[in-house]
Protein backbone atom coordinates (compact mmCIF):
# COMPACT_ATOMS: atom_id res chain seq x y z
CA MET A 1 18.97 -15.09 65.07
CA LYS A 2 20.80 -12.47 67.17
CA LYS A 3 21.21 -10.35 64.06
CA LEU A 4 17.47 -10.54 63.34
CA LEU A 5 16.64 -9.57 66.94
CA GLY A 6 19.03 -6.64 66.69
CA ILE A 7 17.37 -5.42 63.51
CA LEU A 8 13.93 -5.78 65.15
CA VAL A 9 14.99 -3.75 68.19
CA LEU A 10 16.44 -0.98 66.03
CA THR A 11 13.27 -0.91 63.95
CA LEU A 12 11.10 -0.54 67.06
CA LEU A 13 13.29 2.25 68.37
CA PHE A 14 13.08 4.05 65.04
CA CYS A 15 9.31 3.78 64.99
CA ASN A 16 8.99 5.29 68.45
CA ASN A 17 11.52 8.11 68.41
CA GLY A 18 9.45 10.73 66.60
CA PHE A 19 11.05 10.15 63.18
CA ALA A 20 8.53 7.49 62.23
CA GLY A 21 5.98 8.37 59.57
CA LYS A 22 6.24 9.23 55.91
CA ALA A 23 7.64 12.66 55.07
CA VAL A 24 5.15 15.02 53.43
CA ASN A 25 6.16 16.17 49.96
CA LEU A 26 6.56 19.95 50.30
CA PRO A 27 8.05 22.20 47.60
CA LYS A 28 11.31 24.09 48.12
CA ASP A 29 9.22 27.12 47.21
CA THR A 30 7.79 26.93 50.75
CA VAL A 31 10.14 24.80 52.92
CA SER A 32 13.88 24.24 53.29
CA GLY A 33 16.27 22.90 55.91
CA SER A 34 13.90 20.23 57.23
CA LYS A 35 11.50 17.57 56.13
CA PHE A 36 8.12 17.31 57.83
CA LYS A 37 5.63 14.58 58.67
CA LYS A 38 2.04 14.74 59.83
CA SER A 39 1.70 14.92 63.61
CA LEU A 40 0.64 11.79 65.51
CA THR A 41 -0.26 9.06 63.01
CA GLY A 42 -1.53 11.46 60.38
CA SER A 43 -4.18 8.85 59.50
CA TYR A 44 -6.90 11.10 60.92
CA TYR A 45 -5.96 13.96 58.57
CA LYS A 46 -8.77 15.21 56.40
CA LYS A 47 -8.06 16.17 52.80
CA TYR A 48 -8.64 19.81 53.67
CA GLY A 49 -6.38 19.61 56.76
CA MET A 50 -3.10 20.50 55.04
CA GLN A 51 -2.75 21.52 51.40
CA VAL A 52 -0.03 23.05 49.27
CA VAL A 53 -1.86 25.81 47.40
CA ASP A 54 -1.03 28.11 44.50
CA LYS A 55 -1.13 31.86 44.04
CA LYS A 56 -2.78 31.48 40.65
CA ASP A 57 -5.82 29.98 42.42
CA GLY A 58 -6.24 33.08 44.57
CA HIS A 59 -4.46 31.88 47.70
CA PRO A 60 -2.19 34.26 49.66
CA VAL A 61 1.52 33.57 49.10
CA ARG A 62 4.45 35.31 50.79
CA MET A 63 7.09 34.57 48.13
CA GLY A 64 7.20 32.44 45.02
CA GLU A 65 4.09 30.66 43.76
CA LYS A 66 2.92 28.44 46.61
CA SER A 67 2.05 28.41 50.31
CA ILE A 68 0.71 25.86 52.80
CA ARG A 69 -2.90 26.07 53.93
CA PHE A 70 -4.15 24.47 57.15
CA GLU A 71 -7.80 24.06 58.08
CA LEU A 72 -9.10 22.72 61.40
CA ARG A 73 -12.74 21.88 62.00
CA ALA A 74 -14.58 20.66 65.08
CA GLY A 75 -13.72 17.00 65.73
CA ASP A 76 -10.40 16.90 63.84
CA CYS A 77 -8.46 14.84 66.38
CA GLY A 78 -6.18 11.80 66.23
CA LYS A 79 -3.90 9.57 68.27
CA ASP A 80 -0.44 7.99 68.36
CA ARG A 81 0.15 4.57 66.83
CA ASP A 82 0.97 3.03 70.20
CA GLY A 83 -2.11 4.50 71.86
CA GLY A 84 -0.01 6.50 74.32
CA TRP A 85 -1.54 9.82 73.30
CA SER A 86 -5.01 10.67 72.06
CA ASP A 87 -6.09 14.21 71.20
CA CYS A 88 -9.69 13.00 71.13
CA LYS A 89 -9.50 11.84 74.75
CA LYS A 90 -7.52 14.91 75.87
CA ASP A 91 -9.90 17.54 74.48
CA ARG A 92 -7.55 18.60 71.66
CA GLU A 93 -7.59 18.90 67.88
CA ARG A 94 -4.87 19.45 65.29
CA HIS A 95 -3.69 19.52 61.72
CA GLU A 96 0.02 20.03 62.27
CA LEU A 97 3.37 19.14 60.69
CA SER A 98 6.37 18.01 62.77
CA GLY A 99 9.92 18.72 61.60
CA ARG A 100 12.61 16.08 61.18
CA TYR A 101 15.34 18.66 61.72
CA ARG A 102 16.23 17.66 65.30
CA VAL A 103 18.80 19.53 67.37
CA SER A 104 20.28 18.49 70.72
CA LYS A 105 22.34 21.63 71.39
CA GLY A 106 23.93 24.67 69.82
CA GLU A 107 22.88 27.75 67.87
CA ARG A 108 20.24 27.52 65.14
CA TRP A 109 18.04 29.80 63.03
CA TYR A 110 14.39 29.29 62.10
CA ALA A 111 11.95 31.35 60.07
CA TRP A 112 8.37 31.22 58.89
CA SER A 113 5.76 33.57 57.50
CA ILE A 114 2.17 33.37 58.74
CA TYR A 115 -1.10 34.73 57.34
CA LEU A 116 -4.48 34.82 59.09
CA PRO A 117 -7.49 35.47 56.82
CA LYS A 118 -9.63 38.43 57.84
CA ASP A 119 -12.41 36.09 58.97
CA PHE A 120 -10.10 34.03 61.23
CA LYS A 121 -12.00 33.07 64.38
CA ASN A 122 -10.71 33.61 67.90
CA VAL A 123 -11.78 30.53 69.93
CA GLN A 124 -10.89 31.56 73.47
CA PRO A 125 -11.17 30.24 76.13
CA ALA A 126 -9.87 27.30 74.07
CA SER A 127 -6.15 27.63 73.33
CA THR A 128 -4.81 27.83 69.76
CA MET A 129 -1.15 27.10 68.96
CA LEU A 130 0.18 28.38 65.62
CA ALA A 131 3.76 26.98 65.78
CA GLN A 132 5.70 25.24 68.53
CA PHE A 133 9.21 24.23 69.46
CA HIS A 134 8.90 20.78 71.00
CA GLN A 135 11.16 18.11 72.49
CA GLU A 136 11.31 14.42 71.63
CA LYS A 137 9.27 12.38 74.10
CA LYS A 138 8.98 15.41 76.37
CA HIS A 139 6.96 18.58 76.80
CA VAL A 140 6.70 21.59 74.50
CA ILE A 141 9.17 24.39 75.35
CA TRP A 142 8.21 27.44 73.25
CA MET A 143 4.67 28.10 72.04
CA PHE A 144 3.44 30.66 69.52
CA LYS A 145 -0.23 31.15 70.32
CA ASN A 146 -3.22 33.01 68.98
CA LYS A 147 -4.64 35.00 71.91
CA HIS A 148 -7.18 37.82 71.61
CA GLY A 149 -6.69 37.51 67.86
CA GLY A 150 -2.97 38.35 68.10
CA TYR A 151 0.27 36.37 68.25
CA TRP A 152 2.00 35.57 71.56
CA ILE A 153 5.15 33.69 72.64
CA GLU A 154 5.00 31.54 75.75
CA ASN A 155 8.12 30.24 77.49
CA TYR A 156 7.25 26.74 78.71
CA VAL A 157 10.79 25.44 79.26
CA PRO A 158 10.27 24.27 82.89
CA GLU A 159 6.96 22.61 81.81
CA TYR A 160 4.82 25.49 82.95
CA THR A 161 4.39 28.98 81.51
CA VAL A 162 6.92 31.45 82.93
CA SER A 163 6.26 34.29 80.47
CA SER A 164 3.71 35.26 77.84
CA THR A 165 4.66 38.04 75.42
CA GLN A 166 2.47 39.56 72.71
CA ILE A 167 4.38 40.09 69.46
CA LEU A 168 1.51 40.94 67.08
CA THR A 169 -1.96 42.41 67.59
CA ARG A 170 -5.17 41.23 65.94
CA GLU A 171 -5.01 44.19 63.55
CA GLN A 172 -1.42 43.40 62.59
CA MET A 173 -2.27 39.77 61.83
CA SER A 174 -5.60 40.06 60.07
CA GLY A 175 -5.30 39.63 56.32
CA LYS A 176 -1.53 40.26 56.30
CA TRP A 177 1.69 38.28 56.02
CA ASN A 178 4.04 38.51 59.01
CA ASP A 179 7.62 37.24 58.97
CA ILE A 180 8.94 35.46 62.08
CA LEU A 181 12.67 34.93 62.63
CA VAL A 182 14.11 32.96 65.57
CA ASN A 183 17.76 32.69 66.64
CA VAL A 184 18.22 30.23 69.49
CA ASN A 185 21.04 28.60 71.37
CA TRP A 186 19.61 25.24 72.47
CA SER A 187 20.95 24.62 75.95
CA HIS A 188 19.79 23.28 79.33
CA LYS A 189 22.20 25.72 80.96
CA ASP A 190 22.12 29.47 81.50
CA ASP A 191 24.15 30.12 78.32
CA GLY A 192 21.05 29.59 76.19
CA PHE A 193 19.16 32.36 74.40
CA PHE A 194 15.95 32.72 72.41
CA LYS A 195 15.66 35.79 70.19
CA VAL A 196 12.64 36.58 68.04
CA TRP A 197 12.16 39.19 65.31
CA VAL A 198 8.83 40.06 63.72
CA ASN A 199 9.08 41.83 60.37
CA ASN A 200 12.75 42.65 61.16
CA LYS A 201 11.92 44.12 64.59
CA LEU A 202 13.40 42.42 67.69
CA VAL A 203 10.48 41.55 69.97
CA GLN A 204 12.06 39.06 72.39
CA ASP A 205 15.60 38.65 73.71
CA PHE A 206 15.51 35.87 76.31
CA LYS A 207 18.67 34.60 78.04
CA GLY A 208 18.71 31.36 80.02
CA LYS A 209 17.69 27.71 79.66
CA THR A 210 15.94 27.04 76.37
CA LYS A 211 15.33 23.28 76.65
CA SER A 212 15.57 20.26 78.93
CA LYS A 213 18.75 18.23 79.41
CA GLY A 214 19.54 15.35 77.07
CA VAL A 215 16.71 15.75 74.55
CA LYS A 216 16.45 16.95 70.97
CA THR A 217 14.24 19.83 69.86
CA TYR A 218 12.16 20.20 66.71
CA PHE A 219 9.76 22.68 65.09
CA LYS A 220 6.05 22.15 64.48
CA PHE A 221 3.57 24.33 62.65
CA GLY A 222 -0.07 24.27 61.60
CA ILE A 223 -3.12 24.59 63.86
CA TYR A 224 -3.30 22.86 67.24
CA ARG A 225 -5.92 23.68 69.83
CA SER A 226 -6.57 22.42 73.33
CA LYS A 227 -9.36 22.75 75.93
CA VAL A 228 -11.83 22.63 73.04
CA SER A 229 -14.79 21.88 75.32
CA THR A 230 -14.32 25.18 77.21
CA TYR A 231 -15.40 27.09 74.10
CA GLU A 232 -18.33 24.79 73.48
CA LEU A 233 -19.50 25.02 77.10
CA MET A 234 -19.27 28.81 77.12
CA TYR A 235 -20.96 29.47 73.79
CA LYS A 236 -23.21 26.38 73.59
CA LYS A 237 -22.07 25.55 70.07
CA LYS A 238 -19.33 23.70 68.23
CA ILE A 239 -15.93 25.34 68.04
CA PRO A 240 -15.60 27.16 64.68
CA THR A 241 -13.36 26.29 61.75
CA GLN A 242 -9.97 28.00 61.61
CA ILE A 243 -7.78 28.52 58.51
CA VAL A 244 -4.12 29.62 58.52
CA TYR A 245 -1.50 29.97 55.77
CA TYR A 246 2.27 29.48 56.16
CA ASP A 247 5.12 30.14 53.77
CA GLU A 248 8.93 30.48 53.84
CA ILE A 249 9.38 27.81 56.53
CA ARG A 250 13.15 27.55 56.89
CA ALA A 251 15.72 26.06 59.29
CA GLY A 252 19.51 26.24 59.32
CA LYS A 253 22.73 27.02 61.11
CA LYS A 254 23.08 30.52 59.67
CA LYS A 255 20.75 33.47 59.24
CA ASP A 256 21.25 33.47 55.48
CA ASP A 257 19.99 29.88 55.38
CA VAL A 258 16.54 31.03 56.46
CA VAL A 259 16.01 34.58 55.19
CA GLY A 260 17.69 34.42 51.79
CA ASN A 261 14.43 34.46 49.82
CA LEU A 262 13.13 37.54 51.65
CA LYS A 263 16.13 39.79 50.99
């Protein structure tokens, strides 16, 4: 009996620690160093929400033959299994993948390539996140956001924005692939750092706390938007559909682990 109770407790812990949920089958052509699952329950995902697409069908691809296409339409919201979080109730929408590569401390490398079609819609004053570094059962710490059509990094380590840095303009993003490289030392102390390169150019060199104490970090990507109603109130219409492509999503302990394909 005690053994059965122990197994039940471990099962419940597993289901609630952010690892729960079936891993999405993604090709090595596009992803390495981590497995990913659909954010929240994933049961709300529409067929068009996240698709592995092929160059031969006319889709943009950074390297190889495939990329990952995300599409988010008005009303695409979901909730956690335990009911603790609901995007629908909190004025948010997403089609996003959460990484299972979880790090508590130390130096790591991450990379991804992102492509915005020329007709990509800016939905301000709603907020659009196009990649995040998050913490298990805690707040987001680093956000990569679409603002004014460009790409911005926001430092949210203390649970409020302490800096917002533009790394790409609208013109630089529209209809083009851009390569993002991150080298971070995950630490709740002042020995942390968060460095970002865009297309081999260093655009951020932060030194200081990069996370909260005692929690693991993980990477998320896709399309996630909040304050959806602000757009609809301002423009008196539904928030428009957004489409984004990602490729070369890599994670590892060394730079060569994540940029090898692009050399």
